[in-house]
């Protein structure tokens, strides 16, 4: 998300990404800061 994300939120984000996109993201870029 557009904010610092705890481990729990990151897990939720990965699960939603998979649900919507149909797979894990192959690419990740750090949101600076």
ModelCIF file with pLDDT and N, C-alpha, C, O atoms, coordinates in Angstrom:
data_MODEL
#
_entry.id   MODEL 
#
_entity.id                         1 
_entity.type                       polymer 
_entity.pdbx_number_of_molecules   1 
#
_entity_poly.entity_id                      1 
_entity_poly.type                           'polypeptide(L)' 
_entity_poly.nstd_linkage                   no 
_entity_poly.nstd_monomer                   no 
_entity_poly.pdbx_seq_one_letter_code       
;(UNK)(UNK)(UNK)(UNK)(UNK)(UNK)(UNK)(UNK)(UNK)(UNK)(UNK)(UNK)(UNK)(UNK)(UNK)(UNK)
(UNK)(UNK)(UNK)(UNK)(UNK)(UNK)(UNK)(UNK)(UNK)(UNK)(UNK)(UNK)(UNK)(UNK)(UNK)(UNK)
(UNK)
;
_entity_poly.pdbx_seq_one_letter_code_can   XXXXXXXXXXXXXXXXXXXXXXXXXXXXXXXXX 
_entity_poly.pdbx_strand_id                 A 
#
loop_
_entity_poly_seq.entity_id 
_entity_poly_seq.num 
_entity_poly_seq.mon_id 
_entity_poly_seq.hetero 
1 1  UNK n 
1 2  UNK n 
1 3  UNK n 
1 4  UNK n 
1 5  UNK n 
1 6  UNK n 
1 7  UNK n 
1 8  UNK n 
1 9  UNK n 
1 10 UNK n 
1 11 UNK n 
1 12 UNK n 
1 13 UNK n 
1 14 UNK n 
1 15 UNK n 
1 16 UNK n 
1 17 UNK n 
1 18 UNK n 
1 19 UNK n 
1 20 UNK n 
1 21 UNK n 
1 22 UNK n 
1 23 UNK n 
1 24 UNK n 
1 25 UNK n 
1 26 UNK n 
1 27 UNK n 
1 28 UNK n 
1 29 UNK n 
1 30 UNK n 
1 31 UNK n 
1 32 UNK n 
1 33 UNK n 
#
_struct_asym.id          A 
_struct_asym.entity_id   1 
#
loop_
_ma_qa_metric.id 
_ma_qa_metric.mode 
_ma_qa_metric.name 
_ma_qa_metric.software_group_id 
_ma_qa_metric.type 
1 global pLDDT . pLDDT 
2 local  pLDDT . pLDDT 
#
_ma_qa_metric_global.metric_id      1 
_ma_qa_metric_global.metric_value   96.45 
_ma_qa_metric_global.model_id       1 
_ma_qa_metric_global.ordinal_id     1 
#
loop_
_ma_qa_metric_local.label_asym_id 
_ma_qa_metric_local.label_comp_id 
_ma_qa_metric_local.label_seq_id 
_ma_qa_metric_local.metric_id 
_ma_qa_metric_local.metric_value 
_ma_qa_metric_local.model_id 
_ma_qa_metric_local.ordinal_id 
A UNK 1  2 97.00 1 1  
A UNK 2  2 96.00 1 2  
A UNK 3  2 95.00 1 3  
A UNK 4  2 94.00 1 4  
A UNK 5  2 96.00 1 5  
A UNK 6  2 97.00 1 6  
A UNK 7  2 98.00 1 7  
A UNK 8  2 98.00 1 8  
A UNK 9  2 98.00 1 9  
A UNK 10 2 98.00 1 10 
A UNK 11 2 98.00 1 11 
A UNK 12 2 98.00 1 12 
A UNK 13 2 98.00 1 13 
A UNK 14 2 98.00 1 14 
A UNK 15 2 98.00 1 15 
A UNK 16 2 98.00 1 16 
A UNK 17 2 98.00 1 17 
A UNK 18 2 98.00 1 18 
A UNK 19 2 98.00 1 19 
A UNK 20 2 98.00 1 20 
A UNK 21 2 98.00 1 21 
A UNK 22 2 98.00 1 22 
A UNK 23 2 98.00 1 23 
A UNK 24 2 98.00 1 24 
A UNK 25 2 98.00 1 25 
A UNK 26 2 98.00 1 26 
A UNK 27 2 98.00 1 27 
A UNK 28 2 98.00 1 28 
A UNK 29 2 98.00 1 29 
A UNK 30 2 95.00 1 30 
A UNK 31 2 92.00 1 31 
A UNK 32 2 86.00 1 32 
A UNK 33 2 81.00 1 33 
#
loop_
_atom_site.group_PDB 
_atom_site.id 
_atom_site.type_symbol 
_atom_site.label_atom_id 
_atom_site.label_alt_id 
_atom_site.label_comp_id 
_atom_site.label_asym_id 
_atom_site.label_entity_id 
_atom_site.label_seq_id 
_atom_site.pdbx_PDB_ins_code 
_atom_site.Cartn_x 
_atom_site.Cartn_y 
_atom_site.Cartn_z 
_atom_site.occupancy 
_atom_site.B_iso_or_equiv 
_atom_site.pdbx_formal_charge 
_atom_site.auth_seq_id 
_atom_site.auth_comp_id 
_atom_site.auth_asym_id 
_atom_site.auth_atom_id 
_atom_site.pdbx_PDB_model_num 
ATOM 1   N N  . UNK A 1 1  ? 0.840  -1.199  0.000   1.00 97.00 ? 1  UNK A N  1 
ATOM 2   C CA . UNK A 1 1  ? 0.000  0.000   0.000   1.00 97.00 ? 1  UNK A CA 1 
ATOM 3   C C  . UNK A 1 1  ? 0.870  1.242   0.000   1.00 97.00 ? 1  UNK A C  1 
ATOM 4   O O  . UNK A 1 1  ? 2.085  1.166   0.179   1.00 97.00 ? 1  UNK A O  1 
ATOM 5   N N  . UNK A 1 2  ? 0.242  2.375   -0.200  1.00 96.00 ? 2  UNK A N  1 
ATOM 6   C CA . UNK A 1 2  ? 0.937  3.667   -0.187  1.00 96.00 ? 2  UNK A CA 1 
ATOM 7   C C  . UNK A 1 2  ? 1.121  4.157   1.248   1.00 96.00 ? 2  UNK A C  1 
ATOM 8   O O  . UNK A 1 2  ? 0.705  5.260   1.602   1.00 96.00 ? 2  UNK A O  1 
ATOM 9   N N  . UNK A 1 3  ? 1.746  3.324   2.053   1.00 95.00 ? 3  UNK A N  1 
ATOM 10  C CA . UNK A 1 3  ? 2.063  3.610   3.443   1.00 95.00 ? 3  UNK A CA 1 
ATOM 11  C C  . UNK A 1 3  ? 2.931  2.470   3.954   1.00 95.00 ? 3  UNK A C  1 
ATOM 12  O O  . UNK A 1 3  ? 2.925  1.393   3.359   1.00 95.00 ? 3  UNK A O  1 
ATOM 13  N N  . UNK A 1 4  ? 3.680  2.671   5.040   1.00 94.00 ? 4  UNK A N  1 
ATOM 14  C CA . UNK A 1 4  ? 4.437  1.554   5.611   1.00 94.00 ? 4  UNK A CA 1 
ATOM 15  C C  . UNK A 1 4  ? 3.497  0.415   5.987   1.00 94.00 ? 4  UNK A C  1 
ATOM 16  O O  . UNK A 1 4  ? 2.463  0.640   6.616   1.00 94.00 ? 4  UNK A O  1 
ATOM 17  N N  . UNK A 1 5  ? 3.857  -0.807  5.601   1.00 96.00 ? 5  UNK A N  1 
ATOM 18  C CA . UNK A 1 5  ? 2.981  -1.961  5.805   1.00 96.00 ? 5  UNK A CA 1 
ATOM 19  C C  . UNK A 1 5  ? 3.662  -2.988  6.698   1.00 96.00 ? 5  UNK A C  1 
ATOM 20  O O  . UNK A 1 5  ? 4.767  -3.441  6.399   1.00 96.00 ? 5  UNK A O  1 
ATOM 21  N N  . UNK A 1 6  ? 3.003  -3.357  7.798   1.00 97.00 ? 6  UNK A N  1 
ATOM 22  C CA . UNK A 1 6  ? 3.507  -4.412  8.655   1.00 97.00 ? 6  UNK A CA 1 
ATOM 23  C C  . UNK A 1 6  ? 3.457  -5.745  7.909   1.00 97.00 ? 6  UNK A C  1 
ATOM 24  O O  . UNK A 1 6  ? 2.882  -5.843  6.825   1.00 97.00 ? 6  UNK A O  1 
ATOM 25  N N  . UNK A 1 7  ? 4.063  -6.757  8.501   1.00 98.00 ? 7  UNK A N  1 
ATOM 26  C CA . UNK A 1 7  ? 4.070  -8.080  7.884   1.00 98.00 ? 7  UNK A CA 1 
ATOM 27  C C  . UNK A 1 7  ? 2.646  -8.547  7.582   1.00 98.00 ? 7  UNK A C  1 
ATOM 28  O O  . UNK A 1 7  ? 2.386  -9.100  6.514   1.00 98.00 ? 7  UNK A O  1 
ATOM 29  N N  . UNK A 1 8  ? 1.726  -8.323  8.521   1.00 98.00 ? 8  UNK A N  1 
ATOM 30  C CA . UNK A 1 8  ? 0.348  -8.766  8.335   1.00 98.00 ? 8  UNK A CA 1 
ATOM 31  C C  . UNK A 1 8  ? -0.285 -8.086  7.128   1.00 98.00 ? 8  UNK A C  1 
ATOM 32  O O  . UNK A 1 8  ? -0.976 -8.733  6.341   1.00 98.00 ? 8  UNK A O  1 
ATOM 33  N N  . UNK A 1 9  ? -0.055 -6.795  6.981   1.00 98.00 ? 9  UNK A N  1 
ATOM 34  C CA . UNK A 1 9  ? -0.612 -6.068  5.837   1.00 98.00 ? 9  UNK A CA 1 
ATOM 35  C C  . UNK A 1 9  ? 0.046  -6.530  4.534   1.00 98.00 ? 9  UNK A C  1 
ATOM 36  O O  . UNK A 1 9  ? -0.629 -6.643  3.511   1.00 98.00 ? 9  UNK A O  1 
ATOM 37  N N  . UNK A 1 10 ? 1.344  -6.795  4.561   1.00 98.00 ? 10 UNK A N  1 
ATOM 38  C CA . UNK A 1 10 ? 2.020  -7.279  3.361   1.00 98.00 ? 10 UNK A CA 1 
ATOM 39  C C  . UNK A 1 10 ? 1.458  -8.623  2.928   1.00 98.00 ? 10 UNK A C  1 
ATOM 40  O O  . UNK A 1 10 ? 1.277  -8.864  1.735   1.00 98.00 ? 10 UNK A O  1 
ATOM 41  N N  . UNK A 1 11 ? 1.184  -9.496  3.880   1.00 98.00 ? 11 UNK A N  1 
ATOM 42  C CA . UNK A 1 11 ? 0.573  -10.789 3.551   1.00 98.00 ? 11 UNK A CA 1 
ATOM 43  C C  . UNK A 1 11 ? -0.793 -10.580 2.906   1.00 98.00 ? 11 UNK A C  1 
ATOM 44  O O  . UNK A 1 11 ? -1.116 -11.226 1.910   1.00 98.00 ? 11 UNK A O  1 
ATOM 45  N N  . UNK A 1 12 ? -1.598 -9.677  3.472   1.00 98.00 ? 12 UNK A N  1 
ATOM 46  C CA . UNK A 1 12 ? -2.906 -9.372  2.883   1.00 98.00 ? 12 UNK A CA 1 
ATOM 47  C C  . UNK A 1 12 ? -2.746 -8.833  1.456   1.00 98.00 ? 12 UNK A C  1 
ATOM 48  O O  . UNK A 1 12 ? -3.510 -9.182  0.556   1.00 98.00 ? 12 UNK A O  1 
ATOM 49  N N  . UNK A 1 13 ? -1.735 -7.974  1.272   1.00 98.00 ? 13 UNK A N  1 
ATOM 50  C CA . UNK A 1 13 ? -1.498 -7.414  -0.057  1.00 98.00 ? 13 UNK A CA 1 
ATOM 51  C C  . UNK A 1 13 ? -1.109 -8.467  -1.073  1.00 98.00 ? 13 UNK A C  1 
ATOM 52  O O  . UNK A 1 13 ? -1.597 -8.447  -2.203  1.00 98.00 ? 13 UNK A O  1 
ATOM 53  N N  . UNK A 1 14 ? -0.233 -9.392  -0.687  1.00 98.00 ? 14 UNK A N  1 
ATOM 54  C CA . UNK A 1 14 ? 0.165  -10.461 -1.603  1.00 98.00 ? 14 UNK A CA 1 
ATOM 55  C C  . UNK A 1 14 ? -1.021 -11.364 -1.940  1.00 98.00 ? 14 UNK A C  1 
ATOM 56  O O  . UNK A 1 14 ? -1.169 -11.806 -3.080  1.00 98.00 ? 14 UNK A O  1 
ATOM 57  N N  . UNK A 1 15 ? -1.860 -11.634 -0.947  1.00 98.00 ? 15 UNK A N  1 
ATOM 58  C CA . UNK A 1 15 ? -3.035 -12.481 -1.191  1.00 98.00 ? 15 UNK A CA 1 
ATOM 59  C C  . UNK A 1 15 ? -4.014 -11.803 -2.140  1.00 98.00 ? 15 UNK A C  1 
ATOM 60  O O  . UNK A 1 15 ? -4.553 -12.446 -3.040  1.00 98.00 ? 15 UNK A O  1 
ATOM 61  N N  . UNK A 1 16 ? -4.246 -10.501 -1.942  1.00 98.00 ? 16 UNK A N  1 
ATOM 62  C CA . UNK A 1 16 ? -5.163 -9.783  -2.831  1.00 98.00 ? 16 UNK A CA 1 
ATOM 63  C C  . UNK A 1 16 ? -4.582 -9.687  -4.239  1.00 98.00 ? 16 UNK A C  1 
ATOM 64  O O  . UNK A 1 16 ? -5.307 -9.836  -5.222  1.00 98.00 ? 16 UNK A O  1 
ATOM 65  N N  . UNK A 1 17 ? -3.282 -9.438  -4.339  1.00 98.00 ? 17 UNK A N  1 
ATOM 66  C CA . UNK A 1 17 ? -2.630 -9.398  -5.654  1.00 98.00 ? 17 UNK A CA 1 
ATOM 67  C C  . UNK A 1 17 ? -2.880 -10.714 -6.389  1.00 98.00 ? 17 UNK A C  1 
ATOM 68  O O  . UNK A 1 17 ? -3.279 -10.710 -7.554  1.00 98.00 ? 17 UNK A O  1 
ATOM 69  N N  . UNK A 1 18 ? -2.648 -11.835 -5.713  1.00 98.00 ? 18 UNK A N  1 
ATOM 70  C CA . UNK A 1 18 ? -2.866 -13.145 -6.344  1.00 98.00 ? 18 UNK A CA 1 
ATOM 71  C C  . UNK A 1 18 ? -4.320 -13.339 -6.732  1.00 98.00 ? 18 UNK A C  1 
ATOM 72  O O  . UNK A 1 18 ? -4.613 -13.853 -7.811  1.00 98.00 ? 18 UNK A O  1 
ATOM 73  N N  . UNK A 1 19 ? -5.235 -12.931 -5.858  1.00 98.00 ? 19 UNK A N  1 
ATOM 74  C CA . UNK A 1 19 ? -6.658 -13.105 -6.152  1.00 98.00 ? 19 UNK A CA 1 
ATOM 75  C C  . UNK A 1 19 ? -7.070 -12.329 -7.397  1.00 98.00 ? 19 UNK A C  1 
ATOM 76  O O  . UNK A 1 19 ? -7.861 -12.816 -8.204  1.00 98.00 ? 19 UNK A O  1 
ATOM 77  N N  . UNK A 1 20 ? -6.531 -11.114 -7.551  1.00 98.00 ? 20 UNK A N  1 
ATOM 78  C CA . UNK A 1 20 ? -6.931 -10.255 -8.664  1.00 98.00 ? 20 UNK A CA 1 
ATOM 79  C C  . UNK A 1 20 ? -6.166 -10.596 -9.937  1.00 98.00 ? 20 UNK A C  1 
ATOM 80  O O  . UNK A 1 20 ? -6.763 -10.784 -10.997 1.00 98.00 ? 20 UNK A O  1 
ATOM 81  N N  . UNK A 1 21 ? -4.859 -10.673 -9.830  1.00 98.00 ? 21 UNK A N  1 
ATOM 82  C CA . UNK A 1 21 ? -3.999 -10.827 -11.008 1.00 98.00 ? 21 UNK A CA 1 
ATOM 83  C C  . UNK A 1 21 ? -3.894 -12.291 -11.445 1.00 98.00 ? 21 UNK A C  1 
ATOM 84  O O  . UNK A 1 21 ? -3.665 -12.577 -12.620 1.00 98.00 ? 21 UNK A O  1 
ATOM 85  N N  . UNK A 1 22 ? -4.061 -13.207 -10.504 1.00 98.00 ? 22 UNK A N  1 
ATOM 86  C CA . UNK A 1 22 ? -4.024 -14.619 -10.844 1.00 98.00 ? 22 UNK A CA 1 
ATOM 87  C C  . UNK A 1 22 ? -2.692 -15.292 -10.624 1.00 98.00 ? 22 UNK A C  1 
ATOM 88  O O  . UNK A 1 22 ? -2.540 -16.476 -10.924 1.00 98.00 ? 22 UNK A O  1 
ATOM 89  N N  . UNK A 1 23 ? -1.720 -14.559 -10.104 1.00 98.00 ? 23 UNK A N  1 
ATOM 90  C CA . UNK A 1 23 ? -0.391 -15.115 -9.839  1.00 98.00 ? 23 UNK A CA 1 
ATOM 91  C C  . UNK A 1 23 ? 0.343  -14.167 -8.910  1.00 98.00 ? 23 UNK A C  1 
ATOM 92  O O  . UNK A 1 23 ? -0.126 -13.058 -8.653  1.00 98.00 ? 23 UNK A O  1 
ATOM 93  N N  . UNK A 1 24 ? 1.494  -14.596 -8.404  1.00 98.00 ? 24 UNK A N  1 
ATOM 94  C CA . UNK A 1 24 ? 2.351  -13.713 -7.617  1.00 98.00 ? 24 UNK A CA 1 
ATOM 95  C C  . UNK A 1 24 ? 3.001  -12.665 -8.520  1.00 98.00 ? 24 UNK A C  1 
ATOM 96  O O  . UNK A 1 24 ? 3.182  -12.909 -9.713  1.00 98.00 ? 24 UNK A O  1 
ATOM 97  N N  . UNK A 1 25 ? 3.352  -11.509 -7.971  1.00 98.00 ? 25 UNK A N  1 
ATOM 98  C CA . UNK A 1 25 ? 4.125  -10.538 -8.762  1.00 98.00 ? 25 UNK A CA 1 
ATOM 99  C C  . UNK A 1 25 ? 5.546  -11.041 -8.974  1.00 98.00 ? 25 UNK A C  1 
ATOM 100 O O  . UNK A 1 25 ? 6.198  -11.476 -8.025  1.00 98.00 ? 25 UNK A O  1 
ATOM 101 N N  . UNK A 1 26 ? 6.029  -10.985 -10.201 1.00 98.00 ? 26 UNK A N  1 
ATOM 102 C CA . UNK A 1 26 ? 7.414  -11.394 -10.463 1.00 98.00 ? 26 UNK A CA 1 
ATOM 103 C C  . UNK A 1 26 ? 8.384  -10.250 -10.175 1.00 98.00 ? 26 UNK A C  1 
ATOM 104 O O  . UNK A 1 26 ? 9.549  -10.481 -9.853  1.00 98.00 ? 26 UNK A O  1 
ATOM 105 N N  . UNK A 1 27 ? 7.900  -9.023  -10.293 1.00 98.00 ? 27 UNK A N  1 
ATOM 106 C CA . UNK A 1 27 ? 8.734  -7.839  -10.119 1.00 98.00 ? 27 UNK A CA 1 
ATOM 107 C C  . UNK A 1 27 ? 8.261  -7.070  -8.888  1.00 98.00 ? 27 UNK A C  1 
ATOM 108 O O  . UNK A 1 27 ? 7.060  -6.938  -8.652  1.00 98.00 ? 27 UNK A O  1 
ATOM 109 N N  . UNK A 1 28 ? 9.215  -6.565  -8.105  1.00 98.00 ? 28 UNK A N  1 
ATOM 110 C CA . UNK A 1 28 ? 8.910  -5.686  -6.971  1.00 98.00 ? 28 UNK A CA 1 
ATOM 111 C C  . UNK A 1 28 ? 9.859  -4.504  -7.007  1.00 98.00 ? 28 UNK A C  1 
ATOM 112 O O  . UNK A 1 28 ? 11.059 -4.661  -7.230  1.00 98.00 ? 28 UNK A O  1 
ATOM 113 N N  . UNK A 1 29 ? 9.306  -3.308  -6.784  1.00 98.00 ? 29 UNK A N  1 
ATOM 114 C CA . UNK A 1 29 ? 10.139 -2.117  -6.622  1.00 98.00 ? 29 UNK A CA 1 
ATOM 115 C C  . UNK A 1 29 ? 9.819  -1.480  -5.286  1.00 98.00 ? 29 UNK A C  1 
ATOM 116 O O  . UNK A 1 29 ? 8.653  -1.366  -4.909  1.00 98.00 ? 29 UNK A O  1 
ATOM 117 N N  . UNK A 1 30 ? 10.847 -1.067  -4.573  1.00 95.00 ? 30 UNK A N  1 
ATOM 118 C CA . UNK A 1 30 ? 10.681 -0.431  -3.267  1.00 95.00 ? 30 UNK A CA 1 
ATOM 119 C C  . UNK A 1 30 ? 10.000 0.922   -3.437  1.00 95.00 ? 30 UNK A C  1 
ATOM 120 O O  . UNK A 1 30 ? 10.354 1.699   -4.323  1.00 95.00 ? 30 UNK A O  1 
ATOM 121 N N  . UNK A 1 31 ? 9.018  1.196   -2.578  1.00 92.00 ? 31 UNK A N  1 
ATOM 122 C CA . UNK A 1 31 ? 8.427  2.538   -2.505  1.00 92.00 ? 31 UNK A CA 1 
ATOM 123 C C  . UNK A 1 31 ? 9.298  3.335   -1.543  1.00 92.00 ? 31 UNK A C  1 
ATOM 124 O O  . UNK A 1 31 ? 9.267  3.104   -0.334  1.00 92.00 ? 31 UNK A O  1 
ATOM 125 N N  . UNK A 1 32 ? 10.071 4.268   -2.074  1.00 86.00 ? 32 UNK A N  1 
ATOM 126 C CA . UNK A 1 32 ? 11.130 4.938   -1.324  1.00 86.00 ? 32 UNK A CA 1 
ATOM 127 C C  . UNK A 1 32 ? 10.582 5.579   -0.048  1.00 86.00 ? 32 UNK A C  1 
ATOM 128 O O  . UNK A 1 32 ? 9.561  6.267   -0.067  1.00 86.00 ? 32 UNK A O  1 
ATOM 129 N N  . UNK A 1 33 ? 11.286 5.337   1.059   1.00 81.00 ? 33 UNK A N  1 
ATOM 130 C CA . UNK A 1 33 ? 10.931 5.954   2.324   1.00 81.00 ? 33 UNK A CA 1 
ATOM 131 C C  . UNK A 1 33 ? 9.996  5.144   3.195   1.00 81.00 ? 33 UNK A C  1 
ATOM 132 O O  . UNK A 1 33 ? 9.635  5.582   4.287   1.00 81.00 ? 33 UNK A O  1 
#
